[in-house]
């Protein structure tokens, strides 16, 4: 499933569409935390589109994370998939009562957004509802690509690539990989919270290797476990994903690159904190203070990360 064609850009948003975007931006601003710091750096049209994508994604996530019984979650997710199909088919009018659908439909007319990625997100949340676990990293990658890699590819539909950017044919691959890096960081940060909700994401073979198969149900590592070794193992994996995914940055225009650099930079700093004090994730959610997030956003806007990655990429090619 993909978005509608883009033979011509839509006219300026009407009052109902602007109201729908305002709703999505309010959702993003109140709930997105790390995400919001990045999209503030975008021009209005791209910021609106990213807010519409976030609001729809948030709806899907909230169903999966909510307290409804599994059967009700399955039904709600299929209803949401049907709504997405209406958006893709161009069957959502500007006066539709669902502001998220209105905003997403308009965004998909503005930009070549591969809306099938939202179908993948629903598939990933269904995996959560079914309580799936993952034996290997390859197994976990399937889940991560659904819930995060797809978001990277959707976002690239809004950002676009700069004309003549070297290696631009691989931009979707890099966006997908960067999504995996962010998701693996999320999994490490939320390991205790997820355990409390009956979910285990880290690969079973990794848990066994480091003596952590009993899970994480207290603020201390399991007796005899090498929890720090497990965390450092996953941190190295996430860092390798960041290195590969950051190759996307030089392909983006300045403000889109700043947005990506800000969001990814916040997660990389989270990863640094987790690496320094692995057991902190067992005591509560690790986060960055607002001033540090703001610093990362300013660094992204300066283009420093994009220029650094561009130089590194050039050295690799020579």
Foldseek 3Di string as FASTA:
>chain_A
DFADDAPDADDDDDPLLVVLLVVLVVCCVVPVVLLVLLLVLDPDLLSSLLSLVVVLLVVLVCLLPDDDQLVVSVVVLVVSVVLLVCLRVVNDDSPDPNSSSNSNSNSVNRWRFGSCLVVLLSVLSNCSSVQDEAADPVRLLSSLLNNFLSSLSRSCRSFPFDPPDPPVVCLSVLSSLLRSLLVLLVCLLQQQVCVVVVHDYPHCVLCVVQVQNVGQPALDGPPPGPQLVSLVVSLVVSVVSCLSSLLNLLGGPLSSSLSSQLSSVQSNVSSVVCNVPVSVSSVHGDHDDPVVSNVSSVVSNVCPSSVVSVVVVVVVVD
